[in-house]
Amino acid sequence: MMERLELAVKTHDQALLEEAFREAEQGGLGKDPVLKALTAGLDAVRERLGHHTASIPEFLLAVDVLKQGIRRLDGLKSRKNTAANQKTIVIGVVEGDVHDLGKNIVADVLAAYGYKILDLGRDVPCAHFIGEAVRSHASMLALSCMMSTPLENMREIIARSRKDLPEAAVLVGGAALDERIAARVGADGYAASAVTVSEEVKRLLAGRR
């Protein structure tokens, strides 16, 4: 059953996913092994994308199938309170920038991996970003910026987060950044694309335990 769930995501086959879920429900398979199988399927496609043997559309189709699977998880048993263990990530495009396509894809990918995503949209002022992060007890702030002009706004958000939410990690991404610039604005990590973001988020959150 786990192999079929993983294959459904790998091949972005919605019909196979539904069939595998019916088997999982009948067989009493719990949420945790199912989620592990689903994410293993997406990891396989992500790895292929990194090696240029899969396309971006194929990766996004796999994300859609995984999200469909996650919506079905409520019908399965769980040994632990998944909601209580979810990490909240507040994501948005910083003030001065309205380019949100990349941010939207990253938000979908992270949601597919089981994180609780609070998407603030685009052109987000510092006070709103910090206020929502504090209110939601966020584990991470994910800041996007496609242009170089709003980098100072990004730096301000990061500086404020260090004072108001020091336990939260800060991840940045977008065309205006690279690893060197990310370090200069004070971020904990940098994700070049949706392909690398899940591994970077996992690394940063592991370091904050």
N, C-alpha and C. Protein backbone atom coordinates (compact mmCIF):
# COMPACT_ATOMS: atom_id res chain seq x y z
N MET A 1 0.83 -1.20 0.00
CA MET A 1 0.00 0.00 0.00
C MET A 1 0.87 1.26 0.00
N MET A 2 1.93 1.23 0.79
CA MET A 2 2.81 2.40 0.86
C MET A 2 3.51 2.63 -0.47
N GLU A 3 3.91 1.55 -1.12
CA GLU A 3 4.57 1.68 -2.42
C GLU A 3 3.62 2.28 -3.45
N ARG A 4 2.34 1.88 -3.38
CA ARG A 4 1.37 2.40 -4.34
C ARG A 4 1.07 3.88 -4.08
N LEU A 5 1.04 4.28 -2.81
CA LEU A 5 0.85 5.69 -2.47
C LEU A 5 2.02 6.53 -2.98
N GLU A 6 3.22 6.02 -2.76
CA GLU A 6 4.41 6.72 -3.24
C GLU A 6 4.41 6.83 -4.76
N LEU A 7 4.04 5.72 -5.42
CA LEU A 7 4.01 5.71 -6.89
C LEU A 7 2.97 6.68 -7.44
N ALA A 8 1.85 6.81 -6.74
CA ALA A 8 0.80 7.72 -7.20
C ALA A 8 1.31 9.15 -7.29
N VAL A 9 2.11 9.54 -6.29
CA VAL A 9 2.68 10.90 -6.31
C VAL A 9 3.78 10.99 -7.37
N LYS A 10 4.63 10.00 -7.43
CA LYS A 10 5.72 9.99 -8.41
C LYS A 10 5.21 10.17 -9.83
N THR A 11 4.09 9.50 -10.12
CA THR A 11 3.55 9.50 -11.48
C THR A 11 2.38 10.47 -11.63
N HIS A 12 2.15 11.28 -10.60
CA HIS A 12 1.02 12.22 -10.53
C HIS A 12 -0.27 11.60 -11.08
N ASP A 13 -0.59 10.41 -10.50
CA ASP A 13 -1.75 9.62 -10.93
C ASP A 13 -2.84 9.71 -9.86
N GLN A 14 -3.83 10.56 -10.09
CA GLN A 14 -4.89 10.77 -9.10
C GLN A 14 -5.75 9.54 -8.92
N ALA A 15 -6.00 8.80 -10.00
CA ALA A 15 -6.82 7.58 -9.90
C ALA A 15 -6.13 6.53 -9.04
N LEU A 16 -4.82 6.38 -9.22
CA LEU A 16 -4.06 5.43 -8.40
C LEU A 16 -4.05 5.87 -6.95
N LEU A 17 -3.97 7.18 -6.71
CA LEU A 17 -4.01 7.69 -5.33
C LEU A 17 -5.31 7.31 -4.65
N GLU A 18 -6.43 7.52 -5.33
CA GLU A 18 -7.73 7.19 -4.75
C GLU A 18 -7.83 5.69 -4.45
N GLU A 19 -7.35 4.88 -5.37
CA GLU A 19 -7.37 3.43 -5.19
C GLU A 19 -6.50 3.02 -4.00
N ALA A 20 -5.31 3.62 -3.90
CA ALA A 20 -4.40 3.30 -2.81
C ALA A 20 -4.97 3.75 -1.47
N PHE A 21 -5.67 4.88 -1.45
CA PHE A 21 -6.27 5.34 -0.20
C PHE A 21 -7.40 4.42 0.25
N ARG A 22 -8.17 3.91 -0.69
CA ARG A 22 -9.22 2.97 -0.30
C ARG A 22 -8.60 1.73 0.33
N GLU A 23 -7.49 1.26 -0.23
CA GLU A 23 -6.80 0.11 0.34
C GLU A 23 -6.25 0.44 1.73
N ALA A 24 -5.70 1.65 1.87
CA ALA A 24 -5.14 2.06 3.16
C ALA A 24 -6.22 2.13 4.23
N GLU A 25 -7.38 2.65 3.87
CA GLU A 25 -8.49 2.75 4.82
C GLU A 25 -8.98 1.37 5.22
N GLN A 26 -9.10 0.47 4.24
CA GLN A 26 -9.57 -0.88 4.53
C GLN A 26 -8.54 -1.66 5.34
N GLY A 27 -7.27 -1.38 5.09
CA GLY A 27 -6.21 -2.09 5.80
C GLY A 27 -5.83 -1.49 7.14
N GLY A 28 -6.48 -0.37 7.51
CA GLY A 28 -6.21 0.25 8.80
C GLY A 28 -4.88 0.97 8.88
N LEU A 29 -4.33 1.36 7.74
CA LEU A 29 -3.06 2.08 7.73
C LEU A 29 -3.26 3.47 8.34
N GLY A 30 -2.33 3.89 9.20
CA GLY A 30 -2.45 5.17 9.91
C GLY A 30 -1.94 6.34 9.11
N LYS A 31 -2.17 7.55 9.64
CA LYS A 31 -1.77 8.78 8.96
C LYS A 31 -0.27 8.87 8.75
N ASP A 32 0.48 8.49 9.77
CA ASP A 32 1.93 8.73 9.73
C ASP A 32 2.62 7.96 8.59
N PRO A 33 2.39 6.65 8.44
CA PRO A 33 3.03 5.96 7.31
C PRO A 33 2.53 6.43 5.95
N VAL A 34 1.26 6.83 5.89
CA VAL A 34 0.72 7.33 4.62
C VAL A 34 1.41 8.64 4.24
N LEU A 35 1.53 9.56 5.20
CA LEU A 35 2.19 10.83 4.91
C LEU A 35 3.65 10.60 4.52
N LYS A 36 4.29 9.64 5.17
CA LYS A 36 5.68 9.32 4.84
C LYS A 36 5.78 8.82 3.39
N ALA A 37 4.84 7.98 2.98
CA ALA A 37 4.86 7.46 1.61
C ALA A 37 4.60 8.56 0.60
N LEU A 38 3.65 9.45 0.89
CA LEU A 38 3.31 10.54 -0.02
C LEU A 38 4.51 11.47 -0.21
N THR A 39 5.14 11.86 0.90
CA THR A 39 6.27 12.78 0.80
C THR A 39 7.48 12.12 0.15
N ALA A 40 7.62 10.81 0.32
CA ALA A 40 8.71 10.09 -0.35
C ALA A 40 8.53 10.17 -1.86
N GLY A 41 7.27 10.09 -2.31
CA GLY A 41 7.00 10.23 -3.74
C GLY A 41 7.38 11.60 -4.27
N LEU A 42 7.05 12.64 -3.51
CA LEU A 42 7.40 14.00 -3.95
C LEU A 42 8.90 14.21 -3.89
N ASP A 43 9.56 13.66 -2.87
CA ASP A 43 11.01 13.77 -2.78
C ASP A 43 11.68 13.16 -4.00
N ALA A 44 11.14 12.03 -4.48
CA ALA A 44 11.72 11.37 -5.65
C ALA A 44 11.62 12.26 -6.89
N VAL A 45 10.46 12.93 -7.05
CA VAL A 45 10.29 13.82 -8.20
C VAL A 45 11.18 15.05 -8.05
N ARG A 46 11.28 15.57 -6.83
CA ARG A 46 12.13 16.74 -6.58
C ARG A 46 13.58 16.42 -6.90
N GLU A 47 14.03 15.22 -6.52
CA GLU A 47 15.40 14.82 -6.82
C GLU A 47 15.61 14.70 -8.33
N ARG A 48 14.64 14.16 -9.04
CA ARG A 48 14.75 14.06 -10.50
C ARG A 48 14.79 15.45 -11.13
N LEU A 49 14.01 16.36 -10.57
CA LEU A 49 14.01 17.73 -11.08
C LEU A 49 15.39 18.36 -10.90
N GLY A 50 16.01 18.10 -9.75
CA GLY A 50 17.33 18.63 -9.50
C GLY A 50 18.38 18.07 -10.45
N HIS A 51 18.12 16.86 -10.96
CA HIS A 51 19.05 16.25 -11.91
C HIS A 51 18.60 16.44 -13.36
N HIS A 52 17.59 17.29 -13.55
CA HIS A 52 17.09 17.64 -14.89
C HIS A 52 16.50 16.45 -15.65
N THR A 53 15.96 15.48 -14.90
CA THR A 53 15.27 14.37 -15.54
C THR A 53 13.76 14.46 -15.34
N ALA A 54 13.30 15.53 -14.73
CA ALA A 54 11.87 15.83 -14.60
C ALA A 54 11.69 17.32 -14.86
N SER A 55 10.48 17.71 -15.24
CA SER A 55 10.19 19.10 -15.56
C SER A 55 9.47 19.78 -14.41
N ILE A 56 9.48 21.11 -14.41
CA ILE A 56 8.72 21.88 -13.41
C ILE A 56 7.23 21.51 -13.44
N PRO A 57 6.57 21.44 -14.62
CA PRO A 57 5.16 21.04 -14.64
C PRO A 57 4.93 19.67 -14.01
N GLU A 58 5.84 18.72 -14.25
CA GLU A 58 5.70 17.39 -13.66
C GLU A 58 5.80 17.47 -12.14
N PHE A 59 6.73 18.29 -11.64
CA PHE A 59 6.89 18.47 -10.20
C PHE A 59 5.62 19.07 -9.59
N LEU A 60 5.05 20.07 -10.25
CA LEU A 60 3.85 20.72 -9.72
C LEU A 60 2.64 19.80 -9.76
N LEU A 61 2.57 18.93 -10.77
CA LEU A 61 1.50 17.93 -10.81
C LEU A 61 1.64 16.95 -9.64
N ALA A 62 2.88 16.58 -9.33
CA ALA A 62 3.11 15.70 -8.18
C ALA A 62 2.71 16.40 -6.88
N VAL A 63 3.00 17.70 -6.77
CA VAL A 63 2.58 18.48 -5.60
C VAL A 63 1.06 18.44 -5.47
N ASP A 64 0.35 18.61 -6.57
CA ASP A 64 -1.12 18.59 -6.54
C ASP A 64 -1.65 17.24 -6.04
N VAL A 65 -1.04 16.15 -6.49
CA VAL A 65 -1.49 14.82 -6.05
C VAL A 65 -1.19 14.63 -4.57
N LEU A 66 -0.02 15.08 -4.12
CA LEU A 66 0.29 14.97 -2.70
C LEU A 66 -0.69 15.77 -1.85
N LYS A 67 -1.03 16.98 -2.31
CA LYS A 67 -2.01 17.80 -1.57
C LYS A 67 -3.37 17.10 -1.54
N GLN A 68 -3.74 16.45 -2.62
CA GLN A 68 -4.99 15.69 -2.64
C GLN A 68 -4.94 14.58 -1.60
N GLY A 69 -3.77 13.93 -1.49
CA GLY A 69 -3.61 12.89 -0.49
C GLY A 69 -3.70 13.42 0.93
N ILE A 70 -3.09 14.57 1.17
CA ILE A 70 -3.13 15.16 2.50
C ILE A 70 -4.57 15.48 2.92
N ARG A 71 -5.38 15.92 1.95
CA ARG A 71 -6.79 16.20 2.26
C ARG A 71 -7.54 14.93 2.66
N ARG A 72 -7.03 13.76 2.26
CA ARG A 72 -7.68 12.50 2.58
C ARG A 72 -7.22 11.93 3.92
N LEU A 73 -6.22 12.55 4.54
CA LEU A 73 -5.64 11.97 5.74
C LEU A 73 -6.61 11.91 6.92
N ASP A 74 -7.59 12.81 6.95
CA ASP A 74 -8.52 12.84 8.08
C ASP A 74 -9.30 11.54 8.23
N GLY A 75 -9.40 10.76 7.15
CA GLY A 75 -10.12 9.49 7.22
C GLY A 75 -9.30 8.37 7.81
N LEU A 76 -8.04 8.65 8.16
CA LEU A 76 -7.15 7.62 8.68
C LEU A 76 -6.84 7.86 10.14
N LYS A 77 -6.43 6.82 10.83
CA LYS A 77 -6.07 6.92 12.23
C LYS A 77 -4.68 7.53 12.38
N SER A 78 -4.48 8.21 13.51
CA SER A 78 -3.17 8.80 13.79
C SER A 78 -2.77 8.47 15.21
N ARG A 79 -1.49 8.18 15.40
CA ARG A 79 -1.00 7.89 16.75
C ARG A 79 -0.65 9.15 17.52
N LYS A 80 -0.68 10.30 16.85
CA LYS A 80 -0.32 11.53 17.55
C LYS A 80 -1.14 12.68 16.96
N ASN A 81 -1.20 13.77 17.68
CA ASN A 81 -1.96 14.94 17.25
C ASN A 81 -1.17 15.69 16.20
N THR A 82 -1.49 15.44 14.93
CA THR A 82 -0.73 16.04 13.83
C THR A 82 -0.80 17.56 13.87
N ALA A 83 -2.00 18.11 14.13
CA ALA A 83 -2.17 19.56 14.13
C ALA A 83 -1.27 20.21 15.18
N ALA A 84 -1.17 19.58 16.35
CA ALA A 84 -0.37 20.15 17.43
C ALA A 84 1.12 20.14 17.10
N ASN A 85 1.52 19.21 16.22
CA ASN A 85 2.93 19.08 15.88
C ASN A 85 3.30 19.82 14.60
N GLN A 86 2.33 20.44 13.95
CA GLN A 86 2.61 21.17 12.73
C GLN A 86 3.43 22.43 13.04
N LYS A 87 4.40 22.69 12.19
CA LYS A 87 5.18 23.92 12.29
C LYS A 87 4.53 24.98 11.41
N THR A 88 4.36 26.18 11.95
CA THR A 88 3.76 27.27 11.20
C THR A 88 4.83 28.10 10.50
N ILE A 89 4.63 28.32 9.21
CA ILE A 89 5.53 29.16 8.42
C ILE A 89 4.74 30.34 7.88
N VAL A 90 5.17 31.55 8.22
CA VAL A 90 4.55 32.76 7.70
C VAL A 90 5.35 33.18 6.46
N ILE A 91 4.65 33.27 5.33
CA ILE A 91 5.33 33.54 4.06
C ILE A 91 4.72 34.75 3.36
N GLY A 92 5.53 35.49 2.64
CA GLY A 92 5.01 36.63 1.90
C GLY A 92 6.10 37.33 1.11
N VAL A 93 5.67 38.17 0.19
CA VAL A 93 6.58 39.02 -0.58
C VAL A 93 6.71 40.35 0.16
N VAL A 94 7.93 40.81 0.40
CA VAL A 94 8.13 41.99 1.23
C VAL A 94 7.60 43.25 0.55
N GLU A 95 7.36 44.26 1.38
CA GLU A 95 6.83 45.54 0.89
C GLU A 95 7.73 46.13 -0.20
N GLY A 96 7.09 46.62 -1.27
CA GLY A 96 7.83 47.18 -2.38
C GLY A 96 7.94 46.24 -3.57
N ASP A 97 7.41 45.01 -3.41
CA ASP A 97 7.49 44.02 -4.48
C ASP A 97 6.13 43.31 -4.60
N VAL A 98 5.66 43.16 -5.83
CA VAL A 98 4.35 42.53 -6.05
C VAL A 98 4.47 41.24 -6.86
N HIS A 99 5.68 40.76 -7.09
CA HIS A 99 5.88 39.55 -7.89
C HIS A 99 5.74 38.32 -6.98
N ASP A 100 4.64 37.59 -7.11
CA ASP A 100 4.36 36.52 -6.14
C ASP A 100 4.25 35.12 -6.73
N LEU A 101 4.57 34.93 -8.00
CA LEU A 101 4.43 33.60 -8.60
C LEU A 101 5.34 32.59 -7.90
N GLY A 102 6.61 32.95 -7.72
CA GLY A 102 7.53 32.04 -7.05
C GLY A 102 7.12 31.76 -5.62
N LYS A 103 6.69 32.80 -4.92
CA LYS A 103 6.23 32.63 -3.54
C LYS A 103 5.03 31.69 -3.47
N ASN A 104 4.12 31.81 -4.41
CA ASN A 104 2.93 30.95 -4.41
C ASN A 104 3.30 29.48 -4.60
N ILE A 105 4.26 29.22 -5.49
CA ILE A 105 4.69 27.84 -5.73
C ILE A 105 5.37 27.28 -4.47
N VAL A 106 6.25 28.08 -3.85
CA VAL A 106 6.93 27.64 -2.64
C VAL A 106 5.92 27.36 -1.53
N ALA A 107 4.92 28.22 -1.37
CA ALA A 107 3.90 28.01 -0.35
C ALA A 107 3.15 26.70 -0.57
N ASP A 108 2.82 26.41 -1.82
CA ASP A 108 2.13 25.16 -2.14
C ASP A 108 3.00 23.95 -1.83
N VAL A 109 4.28 24.04 -2.17
CA VAL A 109 5.19 22.92 -1.91
C VAL A 109 5.32 22.67 -0.41
N LEU A 110 5.50 23.73 0.38
CA LEU A 110 5.66 23.56 1.82
C LEU A 110 4.38 23.05 2.47
N ALA A 111 3.23 23.50 1.98
CA ALA A 111 1.96 22.98 2.48
C ALA A 111 1.84 21.50 2.16
N ALA A 112 2.31 21.11 0.98
CA ALA A 112 2.27 19.71 0.59
C ALA A 112 3.14 18.85 1.50
N TYR A 113 4.20 19.43 2.03
CA TYR A 113 5.07 18.70 2.95
C TYR A 113 4.53 18.69 4.38
N GLY A 114 3.37 19.27 4.60
CA GLY A 114 2.72 19.16 5.89
C GLY A 114 2.89 20.33 6.82
N TYR A 115 3.52 21.42 6.37
CA TYR A 115 3.64 22.60 7.22
C TYR A 115 2.35 23.42 7.17
N LYS A 116 2.08 24.11 8.26
CA LYS A 116 0.94 25.03 8.30
C LYS A 116 1.40 26.36 7.73
N ILE A 117 0.81 26.76 6.61
CA ILE A 117 1.27 27.95 5.89
C ILE A 117 0.31 29.12 6.11
N LEU A 118 0.87 30.23 6.55
CA LEU A 118 0.12 31.48 6.66
C LEU A 118 0.67 32.41 5.59
N ASP A 119 -0.06 32.52 4.47
CA ASP A 119 0.41 33.28 3.31
C ASP A 119 -0.15 34.71 3.40
N LEU A 120 0.75 35.67 3.55
CA LEU A 120 0.34 37.07 3.69
C LEU A 120 0.24 37.80 2.35
N GLY A 121 0.59 37.10 1.27
CA GLY A 121 0.45 37.70 -0.05
C GLY A 121 1.67 38.50 -0.47
N ARG A 122 1.45 39.61 -1.14
CA ARG A 122 2.55 40.40 -1.70
C ARG A 122 2.53 41.82 -1.13
N ASP A 123 3.66 42.52 -1.28
CA ASP A 123 3.78 43.90 -0.82
C ASP A 123 3.41 44.01 0.66
N VAL A 124 4.03 43.14 1.48
CA VAL A 124 3.65 43.02 2.89
C VAL A 124 4.53 43.92 3.76
N PRO A 125 3.95 44.88 4.48
CA PRO A 125 4.73 45.76 5.36
C PRO A 125 5.36 45.00 6.52
N CYS A 126 6.42 45.54 7.05
CA CYS A 126 7.13 44.91 8.15
C CYS A 126 6.22 44.65 9.34
N ALA A 127 5.46 45.65 9.75
CA ALA A 127 4.62 45.50 10.95
C ALA A 127 3.62 44.37 10.80
N HIS A 128 3.06 44.22 9.60
CA HIS A 128 2.09 43.14 9.36
C HIS A 128 2.77 41.79 9.41
N PHE A 129 3.94 41.70 8.79
CA PHE A 129 4.69 40.44 8.79
C PHE A 129 5.00 40.00 10.22
N ILE A 130 5.56 40.92 11.00
CA ILE A 130 5.95 40.59 12.37
C ILE A 130 4.73 40.31 13.24
N GLY A 131 3.70 41.13 13.08
CA GLY A 131 2.49 40.94 13.88
C GLY A 131 1.86 39.57 13.66
N GLU A 132 1.77 39.13 12.40
CA GLU A 132 1.17 37.83 12.11
C GLU A 132 2.08 36.69 12.57
N ALA A 133 3.37 36.88 12.48
CA ALA A 133 4.30 35.85 12.93
C ALA A 133 4.21 35.66 14.44
N VAL A 134 4.13 36.77 15.18
CA VAL A 134 4.00 36.69 16.64
C VAL A 134 2.66 36.08 17.02
N ARG A 135 1.59 36.55 16.37
CA ARG A 135 0.24 36.05 16.70
C ARG A 135 0.12 34.55 16.48
N SER A 136 0.76 34.05 15.42
CA SER A 136 0.62 32.63 15.07
C SER A 136 1.71 31.75 15.69
N HIS A 137 2.61 32.37 16.49
CA HIS A 137 3.73 31.64 17.10
C HIS A 137 4.51 30.89 16.01
N ALA A 138 4.85 31.59 14.96
CA ALA A 138 5.48 30.96 13.80
C ALA A 138 6.85 30.39 14.14
N SER A 139 7.14 29.26 13.53
CA SER A 139 8.47 28.65 13.65
C SER A 139 9.43 29.22 12.62
N MET A 140 8.86 29.80 11.56
CA MET A 140 9.70 30.33 10.49
C MET A 140 9.02 31.48 9.78
N LEU A 141 9.81 32.46 9.34
CA LEU A 141 9.38 33.49 8.41
C LEU A 141 10.05 33.20 7.08
N ALA A 142 9.26 33.17 6.01
CA ALA A 142 9.79 32.94 4.67
C ALA A 142 9.53 34.19 3.84
N LEU A 143 10.59 34.91 3.49
CA LEU A 143 10.47 36.21 2.83
C LEU A 143 10.93 36.11 1.38
N SER A 144 10.12 36.67 0.48
CA SER A 144 10.45 36.64 -0.94
C SER A 144 10.66 38.05 -1.46
N CYS A 145 11.58 38.16 -2.42
CA CYS A 145 11.89 39.46 -3.02
C CYS A 145 12.48 39.21 -4.41
N MET A 146 11.80 39.70 -5.43
CA MET A 146 12.28 39.51 -6.80
C MET A 146 13.13 40.68 -7.29
N MET A 147 12.96 41.84 -6.66
CA MET A 147 13.70 43.03 -7.06
C MET A 147 14.67 43.42 -5.95
N SER A 148 15.71 44.17 -6.31
CA SER A 148 16.73 44.54 -5.31
C SER A 148 16.30 45.74 -4.46
N THR A 149 15.41 46.58 -4.98
CA THR A 149 15.05 47.80 -4.24
C THR A 149 14.41 47.53 -2.87
N PRO A 150 13.61 46.46 -2.69
CA PRO A 150 13.01 46.23 -1.36
C PRO A 150 13.90 45.44 -0.40
N LEU A 151 15.17 45.25 -0.72
CA LEU A 151 16.03 44.47 0.17
C LEU A 151 16.16 45.10 1.55
N GLU A 152 16.13 46.43 1.62
CA GLU A 152 16.19 47.09 2.93
C GLU A 152 14.95 46.76 3.76
N ASN A 153 13.80 46.65 3.10
CA ASN A 153 12.58 46.26 3.81
C ASN A 153 12.70 44.84 4.34
N MET A 154 13.33 43.97 3.55
CA MET A 154 13.57 42.60 4.00
C MET A 154 14.49 42.60 5.22
N ARG A 155 15.55 43.40 5.15
CA ARG A 155 16.48 43.49 6.28
C ARG A 155 15.77 43.98 7.55
N GLU A 156 14.85 44.94 7.38
CA GLU A 156 14.10 45.46 8.53
C GLU A 156 13.22 44.39 9.15
N ILE A 157 12.54 43.60 8.33
CA ILE A 157 11.69 42.52 8.85
C ILE A 157 12.53 41.52 9.64
N ILE A 158 13.68 41.16 9.10
CA ILE A 158 14.55 40.20 9.78
C ILE A 158 15.04 40.76 11.10
N ALA A 159 15.45 42.02 11.11
CA ALA A 159 15.93 42.65 12.35
C ALA A 159 14.83 42.69 13.41
N ARG A 160 13.62 43.03 12.99
CA ARG A 160 12.49 43.06 13.93
C ARG A 160 12.17 41.68 14.46
N SER A 161 12.27 40.68 13.59
CA SER A 161 11.95 39.31 14.02
C SER A 161 12.92 38.83 15.08
N ARG A 162 14.17 39.28 15.02
CA ARG A 162 15.16 38.89 16.02
C ARG A 162 14.79 39.40 17.41
N LYS A 163 14.11 40.55 17.44
CA LYS A 163 13.70 41.13 18.73
C LYS A 163 12.37 40.55 19.21
N ASP A 164 11.40 40.44 18.29
CA ASP A 164 10.04 40.08 18.68
C ASP A 164 9.75 38.58 18.64
N LEU A 165 10.52 37.83 17.85
CA LEU A 165 10.29 36.39 17.72
C LEU A 165 11.65 35.70 17.52
N PRO A 166 12.53 35.80 18.53
CA PRO A 166 13.91 35.34 18.36
C PRO A 166 14.04 33.84 18.12
N GLU A 167 13.02 33.06 18.50
CA GLU A 167 13.12 31.62 18.32
C GLU A 167 12.79 31.17 16.90
N ALA A 168 12.25 32.07 16.07
CA ALA A 168 11.85 31.72 14.70
C ALA A 168 13.03 31.82 13.75
N ALA A 169 13.10 30.87 12.82
CA ALA A 169 14.11 30.91 11.76
C ALA A 169 13.61 31.81 10.63
N VAL A 170 14.54 32.35 9.86
CA VAL A 170 14.19 33.20 8.73
C VAL A 170 14.81 32.64 7.46
N LEU A 171 13.94 32.36 6.49
CA LEU A 171 14.35 31.86 5.18
C LEU A 171 14.02 32.91 4.13
N VAL A 172 14.93 33.13 3.19
CA VAL A 172 14.66 34.11 2.13
C VAL A 172 14.87 33.45 0.77
N GLY A 173 14.25 34.05 -0.24
CA GLY A 173 14.40 33.56 -1.60
C GLY A 173 13.89 34.59 -2.59
N GLY A 174 14.19 34.33 -3.86
CA GLY A 174 13.76 35.25 -4.91
C GLY A 174 14.93 35.65 -5.79
N ALA A 175 14.60 36.22 -6.94
CA ALA A 175 15.62 36.54 -7.95
C ALA A 175 16.64 37.56 -7.48
N ALA A 176 16.27 38.40 -6.50
CA ALA A 176 17.18 39.45 -6.03
C ALA A 176 18.26 38.92 -5.09
N LEU A 177 18.15 37.63 -4.71
CA LEU A 177 19.04 37.11 -3.67
C LEU A 177 19.89 35.95 -4.16
N ASP A 178 20.98 35.75 -3.43
CA ASP A 178 21.76 34.53 -3.50
C ASP A 178 22.23 34.26 -2.07
N GLU A 179 23.04 33.25 -1.87
CA GLU A 179 23.48 32.92 -0.51
C GLU A 179 24.23 34.07 0.16
N ARG A 180 25.05 34.77 -0.62
CA ARG A 180 25.84 35.88 -0.07
C ARG A 180 24.94 37.02 0.38
N ILE A 181 23.97 37.39 -0.45
CA ILE A 181 23.06 38.49 -0.10
C ILE A 181 22.15 38.09 1.05
N ALA A 182 21.73 36.83 1.06
CA ALA A 182 20.89 36.34 2.16
C ALA A 182 21.61 36.50 3.49
N ALA A 183 22.89 36.18 3.51
CA ALA A 183 23.66 36.35 4.75
C ALA A 183 23.79 37.82 5.11
N ARG A 184 23.94 38.69 4.12
CA ARG A 184 24.08 40.12 4.38
C ARG A 184 22.83 40.73 4.99
N VAL A 185 21.65 40.26 4.58
CA VAL A 185 20.42 40.82 5.15
C VAL A 185 20.06 40.17 6.48
N GLY A 186 20.85 39.17 6.89
CA GLY A 186 20.66 38.58 8.22
C GLY A 186 19.83 37.32 8.27
N ALA A 187 19.53 36.72 7.12
CA ALA A 187 18.70 35.51 7.09
C ALA A 187 19.46 34.30 7.61
N ASP A 188 18.71 33.30 8.08
CA ASP A 188 19.32 32.05 8.52
C ASP A 188 19.60 31.12 7.35
N GLY A 189 18.79 31.25 6.28
CA GLY A 189 18.96 30.36 5.14
C GLY A 189 18.42 30.96 3.88
N TYR A 190 18.76 30.31 2.76
CA TYR A 190 18.37 30.78 1.43
C TYR A 190 17.92 29.58 0.61
N ALA A 191 16.79 29.73 -0.08
CA ALA A 191 16.29 28.69 -0.98
C ALA A 191 16.28 29.26 -2.39
N ALA A 192 17.00 28.61 -3.28
CA ALA A 192 17.09 29.10 -4.66
C ALA A 192 15.81 28.88 -5.43
N SER A 193 15.04 27.85 -5.05
CA SER A 193 13.82 27.54 -5.80
C SER A 193 12.95 26.60 -4.98
N ALA A 194 11.78 26.26 -5.54
CA ALA A 194 10.88 25.31 -4.89
C ALA A 194 11.50 23.92 -4.82
N VAL A 195 12.51 23.67 -5.67
CA VAL A 195 13.15 22.36 -5.67
C VAL A 195 13.95 22.15 -4.39
N THR A 196 14.60 23.19 -3.89
CA THR A 196 15.48 23.07 -2.73
C THR A 196 14.84 23.50 -1.42
N VAL A 197 13.66 24.10 -1.48
CA VAL A 197 13.12 24.76 -0.28
C VAL A 197 12.79 23.77 0.84
N SER A 198 12.26 22.58 0.52
CA SER A 198 11.86 21.66 1.59
C SER A 198 13.06 21.20 2.41
N GLU A 199 14.19 20.92 1.73
CA GLU A 199 15.38 20.50 2.45
C GLU A 199 15.93 21.62 3.32
N GLU A 200 15.89 22.86 2.80
CA GLU A 200 16.41 23.98 3.57
C GLU A 200 15.53 24.26 4.79
N VAL A 201 14.21 24.18 4.62
CA VAL A 201 13.30 24.37 5.75
C VAL A 201 13.55 23.30 6.81
N LYS A 202 13.67 22.07 6.37
CA LYS A 202 13.92 20.96 7.30
C LYS A 202 15.22 21.20 8.08
N ARG A 203 16.27 21.65 7.39
CA ARG A 203 17.55 21.91 8.03
C ARG A 203 17.45 23.02 9.06
N LEU A 204 16.78 24.12 8.69
CA LEU A 204 16.69 25.26 9.60
C LEU A 204 15.85 24.93 10.83
N LEU A 205 14.74 24.25 10.64
CA LEU A 205 13.88 23.93 11.77
C LEU A 205 14.53 22.92 12.70
N ALA A 206 15.30 22.01 12.15
CA ALA A 206 16.02 21.04 12.97
C ALA A 206 17.01 21.76 13.88
N GLY A 207 17.59 22.82 13.38
CA GLY A 207 18.56 23.59 14.17
C GLY A 207 17.93 24.44 15.23
N ARG A 208 16.59 24.58 15.19
CA ARG A 208 15.89 25.43 16.17
C ARG A 208 15.21 24.63 17.26
N ARG A 209 15.37 23.32 17.28
CA ARG A 209 14.69 22.52 18.28
C ARG A 209 15.26 22.76 19.66
